[in-house]
Amino acid sequence: MSDSMRRQYTKEFKKEAVDLVNIQHYSVTEAAGRLGISSKILDRWRREYRTREENAFPGTGHEGAQIDELKRLREENRKLRLEKEILKKAAAYFARESG
């Protein structure tokens, strides 16, 4: 199935599908069969919900990766700023020592 033909599911549908397994204790296979989806998809949704909970299923599926990348870049930026401050202080210290 091509990307343009791929069926898209709403966040609510995914959450309700996960709830069938987690709350109502259906098996993954049984819930997937009743909903007309593959058990692999439902299992993937369960894993995503388990790791992200209310932030799971952000939209088209690409936003999750973008959010993760943004978090990674912000953390890297924070570390670089900290290193820069340390280097500034070290440069000032050595300038006083040699001067």
Protein backbone atom coordinates (compact mmCIF):
# COMPACT_ATOMS: atom_id res chain seq x y z
CA MET A 1 0.00 0.00 0.00
CA SER A 2 1.50 3.36 -0.96
CA ASP A 3 1.75 6.29 1.45
CA SER A 4 -1.10 8.09 -0.29
CA MET A 5 -3.33 5.03 0.15
CA ARG A 6 -2.33 4.33 3.75
CA ARG A 7 -5.22 4.63 6.15
CA GLN A 8 -4.82 7.25 8.85
CA TYR A 9 -6.34 6.86 12.30
CA THR A 10 -7.24 9.59 14.75
CA LYS A 11 -5.60 9.94 18.13
CA GLU A 12 -8.93 9.05 19.75
CA PHE A 13 -9.28 5.84 17.73
CA LYS A 14 -5.74 4.77 18.66
CA LYS A 15 -6.33 5.55 22.34
CA GLU A 16 -9.61 3.61 22.38
CA ALA A 17 -7.92 0.67 20.62
CA VAL A 18 -5.16 0.64 23.25
CA ASP A 19 -7.78 0.88 26.01
CA LEU A 20 -9.50 -2.26 24.70
CA VAL A 21 -6.34 -4.18 25.53
CA ASN A 22 -5.12 -2.29 28.60
CA ILE A 23 -8.40 -1.62 30.40
CA GLN A 24 -10.94 -4.05 28.99
CA HIS A 25 -8.39 -6.89 28.84
CA TYR A 26 -8.97 -7.96 25.25
CA SER A 27 -6.03 -9.75 23.67
CA VAL A 28 -4.13 -7.72 21.07
CA THR A 29 -5.22 -10.14 18.35
CA GLU A 30 -8.88 -10.04 19.40
CA ALA A 31 -9.02 -6.24 19.67
CA ALA A 32 -7.22 -5.77 16.36
CA GLY A 33 -9.57 -8.20 14.63
CA ARG A 34 -12.66 -6.43 15.96
CA LEU A 35 -11.31 -3.05 14.83
CA GLY A 36 -10.17 -4.27 11.42
CA ILE A 37 -6.50 -3.42 11.94
CA SER A 38 -3.40 -5.56 12.13
CA SER A 39 -2.19 -6.76 15.50
CA LYS A 40 1.28 -5.35 14.66
CA ILE A 41 -0.19 -1.86 14.38
CA LEU A 42 -2.08 -2.19 17.65
CA ASP A 43 0.99 -3.55 19.42
CA ARG A 44 3.03 -0.59 18.12
CA TRP A 45 0.35 1.82 19.40
CA ARG A 46 0.45 0.10 22.81
CA ARG A 47 4.25 0.52 23.01
CA GLU A 48 4.02 4.17 21.98
CA TYR A 49 1.29 4.84 24.53
CA ARG A 50 3.28 3.06 27.25
CA THR A 51 6.34 5.26 26.63
CA ARG A 52 4.64 8.59 25.86
CA GLU A 53 1.21 8.28 27.52
CA GLU A 54 -0.76 11.50 26.92
CA ASN A 55 1.83 12.72 24.39
CA ALA A 56 1.37 9.61 22.27
CA PHE A 57 -0.10 9.85 18.80
CA PRO A 58 0.80 13.50 18.13
CA GLY A 59 -0.51 13.68 14.59
CA THR A 60 0.70 12.24 11.34
CA GLY A 61 3.38 10.13 12.96
CA HIS A 62 6.24 12.35 11.85
CA GLU A 63 5.77 14.85 14.65
CA GLY A 64 7.01 12.39 17.26
CA ALA A 65 10.37 12.15 15.52
CA GLN A 66 10.51 15.93 15.13
CA ILE A 67 9.75 16.44 18.82
CA ASP A 68 12.46 13.95 19.78
CA GLU A 69 14.95 15.72 17.51
CA LEU A 70 13.99 19.10 18.97
CA LYS A 71 14.52 17.79 22.52
CA ARG A 72 17.89 16.36 21.52
CA LEU A 73 18.98 19.63 19.91
CA ARG A 74 17.84 21.70 22.88
CA GLU A 75 19.83 19.46 25.25
CA GLU A 76 22.87 19.72 23.00
CA ASN A 77 22.46 23.50 22.89
CA ARG A 78 22.25 23.64 26.70
CA LYS A 79 25.46 21.61 27.03
CA LEU A 80 27.30 23.78 24.50
CA ARG A 81 26.27 26.96 26.32
CA LEU A 82 27.52 25.49 29.58
CA GLU A 83 30.84 24.52 27.99
CA LYS A 84 31.14 28.02 26.52
CA GLU A 85 30.66 29.59 29.97
CA ILE A 86 33.27 27.28 31.46
CA LEU A 87 35.75 28.21 28.73
CA LYS A 88 35.08 31.93 29.26
CA LYS A 89 35.81 31.59 32.98
CA ALA A 90 38.94 29.54 32.30
CA ALA A 91 40.19 32.13 29.79
CA ALA A 92 39.56 34.94 32.27
CA TYR A 93 41.37 33.00 35.02
CA PHE A 94 44.45 32.34 32.87
CA ALA A 95 44.49 35.94 31.62
CA ARG A 96 44.70 37.11 35.27
CA GLU A 97 47.39 34.55 36.09
CA SER A 98 49.64 35.56 33.17
CA GLY A 99 48.98 39.30 33.45
